[in-house]
Amino acid sequence: MKEIERLVRASIIIILDIMLISVLISLVFLDNLINEVLYDYGLVFSLNWAVPYWTIMRTSMALIVIVALIFSILELLYPLLRKES
């Protein structure tokens, strides 16, 4: 039973990590869209929109990486912290 529990927990963490990585990749594609494609359609650079955009992108990417690391580390440490019954 413990082996099944470990597999389920590991599977959930892997699925969550994959979801977070997918969001991270989506943000990279969005950044590519802003920085390459939209300039072809007349986007004019301005610090008025660029600074908030950079802040949001960097904060979002950092939070995604932090959450993925926390999930993974906690899952690795869970068996060590859990009392054997």
N, C-alpha and C. Protein backbone atom coordinates (compact mmCIF):
# COMPACT_ATOMS: atom_id res chain seq x y z
N MET A 1 0.82 -1.20 0.00
CA MET A 1 0.00 0.00 0.00
C MET A 1 0.86 1.26 0.00
N LYS A 2 1.98 1.22 0.75
CA LYS A 2 2.86 2.38 0.79
C LYS A 2 3.48 2.67 -0.57
N GLU A 3 3.76 1.61 -1.30
CA GLU A 3 4.36 1.78 -2.63
C GLU A 3 3.37 2.47 -3.57
N ILE A 4 2.11 2.09 -3.49
CA ILE A 4 1.08 2.72 -4.33
C ILE A 4 0.93 4.19 -3.94
N GLU A 5 0.95 4.46 -2.63
CA GLU A 5 0.84 5.84 -2.17
C GLU A 5 2.00 6.68 -2.70
N ARG A 6 3.20 6.14 -2.66
CA ARG A 6 4.37 6.86 -3.19
C ARG A 6 4.25 7.12 -4.68
N LEU A 7 3.77 6.13 -5.41
CA LEU A 7 3.61 6.30 -6.85
C LEU A 7 2.55 7.36 -7.17
N VAL A 8 1.46 7.35 -6.42
CA VAL A 8 0.41 8.35 -6.64
C VAL A 8 0.94 9.74 -6.33
N ARG A 9 1.63 9.88 -5.21
CA ARG A 9 2.17 11.20 -4.83
C ARG A 9 3.20 11.67 -5.85
N ALA A 10 4.06 10.77 -6.29
CA ALA A 10 5.07 11.15 -7.29
C ALA A 10 4.40 11.52 -8.61
N SER A 11 3.36 10.80 -8.99
CA SER A 11 2.64 11.10 -10.23
C SER A 11 1.98 12.47 -10.17
N ILE A 12 1.39 12.78 -9.03
CA ILE A 12 0.75 14.09 -8.87
C ILE A 12 1.79 15.20 -8.98
N ILE A 13 2.92 15.04 -8.34
CA ILE A 13 3.97 16.05 -8.39
C ILE A 13 4.50 16.20 -9.82
N ILE A 14 4.68 15.10 -10.51
CA ILE A 14 5.15 15.16 -11.90
C ILE A 14 4.13 15.88 -12.77
N ILE A 15 2.86 15.58 -12.60
CA ILE A 15 1.80 16.25 -13.38
C ILE A 15 1.79 17.75 -13.08
N LEU A 16 1.88 18.11 -11.80
CA LEU A 16 1.91 19.54 -11.44
C LEU A 16 3.14 20.24 -12.02
N ASP A 17 4.29 19.58 -11.96
CA ASP A 17 5.50 20.16 -12.55
C ASP A 17 5.35 20.35 -14.06
N ILE A 18 4.76 19.37 -14.72
CA ILE A 18 4.54 19.47 -16.16
C ILE A 18 3.60 20.64 -16.47
N MET A 19 2.56 20.79 -15.66
CA MET A 19 1.63 21.91 -15.87
C MET A 19 2.35 23.25 -15.68
N LEU A 20 3.16 23.36 -14.65
CA LEU A 20 3.89 24.60 -14.41
C LEU A 20 4.90 24.88 -15.52
N ILE A 21 5.56 23.85 -15.99
CA ILE A 21 6.50 24.03 -17.10
C ILE A 21 5.76 24.46 -18.36
N SER A 22 4.56 23.92 -18.58
CA SER A 22 3.76 24.33 -19.73
C SER A 22 3.39 25.81 -19.66
N VAL A 23 3.05 26.28 -18.48
CA VAL A 23 2.74 27.70 -18.32
C VAL A 23 3.99 28.54 -18.56
N LEU A 24 5.12 28.07 -18.07
CA LEU A 24 6.38 28.78 -18.28
C LEU A 24 6.71 28.87 -19.77
N ILE A 25 6.53 27.78 -20.49
CA ILE A 25 6.77 27.78 -21.94
C ILE A 25 5.79 28.72 -22.64
N SER A 26 4.54 28.75 -22.18
CA SER A 26 3.55 29.66 -22.77
C SER A 26 3.97 31.11 -22.57
N LEU A 27 4.51 31.43 -21.40
CA LEU A 27 4.98 32.79 -21.16
C LEU A 27 6.15 33.14 -22.07
N VAL A 28 7.03 32.19 -22.33
CA VAL A 28 8.14 32.43 -23.25
C VAL A 28 7.60 32.69 -24.66
N PHE A 29 6.60 31.92 -25.10
CA PHE A 29 6.00 32.17 -26.41
C PHE A 29 5.30 33.53 -26.45
N LEU A 30 4.64 33.92 -25.38
CA LEU A 30 4.01 35.23 -25.31
C LEU A 30 5.06 36.33 -25.40
N ASP A 31 6.17 36.15 -24.71
CA ASP A 31 7.26 37.11 -24.77
C ASP A 31 7.80 37.22 -26.20
N ASN A 32 7.93 36.08 -26.86
CA ASN A 32 8.38 36.07 -28.25
C ASN A 32 7.38 36.83 -29.13
N LEU A 33 6.11 36.64 -28.90
CA LEU A 33 5.07 37.34 -29.66
C LEU A 33 5.20 38.84 -29.49
N ILE A 34 5.36 39.28 -28.26
CA ILE A 34 5.48 40.71 -27.98
C ILE A 34 6.75 41.28 -28.61
N ASN A 35 7.87 40.59 -28.42
CA ASN A 35 9.16 41.15 -28.82
C ASN A 35 9.52 40.97 -30.28
N GLU A 36 8.82 40.13 -31.01
CA GLU A 36 9.16 39.93 -32.41
C GLU A 36 7.98 40.18 -33.35
N VAL A 37 6.90 39.50 -33.11
CA VAL A 37 5.78 39.54 -34.06
C VAL A 37 5.06 40.89 -34.04
N LEU A 38 4.76 41.40 -32.86
CA LEU A 38 3.96 42.63 -32.79
C LEU A 38 4.68 43.85 -33.34
N TYR A 39 6.00 43.85 -33.34
CA TYR A 39 6.72 44.97 -33.94
C TYR A 39 6.47 45.02 -35.45
N ASP A 40 6.24 43.88 -36.06
CA ASP A 40 5.91 43.85 -37.49
C ASP A 40 4.54 44.46 -37.77
N TYR A 41 3.69 44.55 -36.72
CA TYR A 41 2.35 45.12 -36.87
C TYR A 41 2.28 46.55 -36.33
N GLY A 42 3.42 47.14 -36.08
CA GLY A 42 3.45 48.55 -35.71
C GLY A 42 3.57 48.84 -34.22
N LEU A 43 3.87 47.84 -33.40
CA LEU A 43 4.06 48.10 -31.97
C LEU A 43 5.24 49.05 -31.80
N VAL A 44 5.03 50.10 -31.03
CA VAL A 44 6.07 51.08 -30.77
C VAL A 44 6.53 50.90 -29.32
N PHE A 45 7.85 50.76 -29.16
CA PHE A 45 8.40 50.55 -27.83
C PHE A 45 8.19 51.78 -26.97
N SER A 46 7.81 51.54 -25.73
CA SER A 46 7.67 52.61 -24.75
C SER A 46 7.91 52.01 -23.37
N LEU A 47 8.64 52.74 -22.56
CA LEU A 47 8.87 52.28 -21.19
C LEU A 47 7.59 52.27 -20.38
N ASN A 48 6.58 53.02 -20.82
CA ASN A 48 5.30 53.04 -20.11
C ASN A 48 4.63 51.68 -20.08
N TRP A 49 4.77 50.89 -21.15
CA TRP A 49 4.20 49.55 -21.14
C TRP A 49 5.28 48.49 -20.92
N ALA A 50 6.53 48.79 -21.28
CA ALA A 50 7.58 47.78 -21.20
C ALA A 50 7.96 47.44 -19.76
N VAL A 51 8.08 48.42 -18.90
CA VAL A 51 8.49 48.16 -17.53
C VAL A 51 7.47 47.29 -16.79
N PRO A 52 6.16 47.63 -16.83
CA PRO A 52 5.20 46.73 -16.18
C PRO A 52 5.18 45.34 -16.82
N TYR A 53 5.33 45.29 -18.14
CA TYR A 53 5.36 44.00 -18.83
C TYR A 53 6.54 43.16 -18.36
N TRP A 54 7.73 43.76 -18.30
CA TRP A 54 8.92 43.03 -17.85
C TRP A 54 8.74 42.56 -16.41
N THR A 55 8.19 43.43 -15.57
CA THR A 55 7.99 43.08 -14.16
C THR A 55 7.04 41.90 -14.02
N ILE A 56 5.93 41.95 -14.73
CA ILE A 56 4.95 40.87 -14.67
C ILE A 56 5.54 39.57 -15.20
N MET A 57 6.23 39.64 -16.32
CA MET A 57 6.81 38.42 -16.91
C MET A 57 7.85 37.80 -15.98
N ARG A 58 8.75 38.61 -15.47
CA ARG A 58 9.82 38.08 -14.62
C ARG A 58 9.26 37.54 -13.30
N THR A 59 8.31 38.25 -12.73
CA THR A 59 7.69 37.79 -11.48
C THR A 59 6.94 36.49 -11.70
N SER A 60 6.18 36.42 -12.78
CA SER A 60 5.43 35.20 -13.09
C SER A 60 6.36 34.01 -13.30
N MET A 61 7.41 34.21 -14.07
CA MET A 61 8.35 33.12 -14.33
C MET A 61 9.04 32.68 -13.05
N ALA A 62 9.43 33.63 -12.22
CA ALA A 62 10.10 33.29 -10.96
C ALA A 62 9.16 32.51 -10.04
N LEU A 63 7.92 32.94 -9.94
CA LEU A 63 6.96 32.25 -9.08
C LEU A 63 6.69 30.83 -9.58
N ILE A 64 6.61 30.65 -10.88
CA ILE A 64 6.38 29.32 -11.44
C ILE A 64 7.54 28.39 -11.08
N VAL A 65 8.76 28.88 -11.25
CA VAL A 65 9.94 28.07 -10.93
C VAL A 65 9.98 27.76 -9.43
N ILE A 66 9.69 28.75 -8.59
CA ILE A 66 9.71 28.54 -7.15
C ILE A 66 8.67 27.51 -6.72
N VAL A 67 7.47 27.61 -7.27
CA VAL A 67 6.42 26.64 -6.91
C VAL A 67 6.82 25.23 -7.35
N ALA A 68 7.36 25.09 -8.56
CA ALA A 68 7.79 23.78 -9.03
C ALA A 68 8.88 23.20 -8.13
N LEU A 69 9.82 24.04 -7.72
CA LEU A 69 10.88 23.57 -6.83
C LEU A 69 10.33 23.19 -5.46
N ILE A 70 9.43 23.99 -4.92
CA ILE A 70 8.85 23.68 -3.61
C ILE A 70 8.09 22.36 -3.65
N PHE A 71 7.25 22.18 -4.68
CA PHE A 71 6.52 20.92 -4.81
C PHE A 71 7.49 19.74 -4.86
N SER A 72 8.50 19.86 -5.69
CA SER A 72 9.44 18.74 -5.87
C SER A 72 10.24 18.47 -4.61
N ILE A 73 10.75 19.52 -3.98
CA ILE A 73 11.56 19.34 -2.77
C ILE A 73 10.73 18.75 -1.64
N LEU A 74 9.52 19.29 -1.46
CA LEU A 74 8.67 18.76 -0.41
C LEU A 74 8.32 17.30 -0.65
N GLU A 75 8.11 16.94 -1.88
CA GLU A 75 7.80 15.55 -2.19
C GLU A 75 9.00 14.65 -1.89
N LEU A 76 10.19 15.14 -2.15
CA LEU A 76 11.38 14.35 -1.84
C LEU A 76 11.60 14.23 -0.34
N LEU A 77 11.27 15.29 0.40
CA LEU A 77 11.49 15.28 1.85
C LEU A 77 10.34 14.66 2.62
N TYR A 78 9.18 14.52 2.01
CA TYR A 78 8.00 14.01 2.70
C TYR A 78 8.25 12.67 3.40
N PRO A 79 8.85 11.70 2.73
CA PRO A 79 9.08 10.41 3.41
C PRO A 79 10.01 10.55 4.62
N LEU A 80 10.94 11.48 4.57
CA LEU A 80 11.87 11.66 5.69
C LEU A 80 11.20 12.33 6.89
N LEU A 81 10.23 13.22 6.61
CA LEU A 81 9.56 13.96 7.66
C LEU A 81 8.39 13.20 8.27
N ARG A 82 7.88 12.25 7.54
CA ARG A 82 6.69 11.51 7.97
C ARG A 82 7.09 10.43 8.99
N LYS A 83 6.34 10.34 10.04
CA LYS A 83 6.60 9.31 11.04
C LYS A 83 6.09 7.97 10.52
N GLU A 84 6.91 6.97 10.72
CA GLU A 84 6.49 5.62 10.36
C GLU A 84 5.46 5.12 11.34
N SER A 85 4.38 4.53 10.81
CA SER A 85 3.34 4.02 11.70
C SER A 85 3.37 2.52 11.80
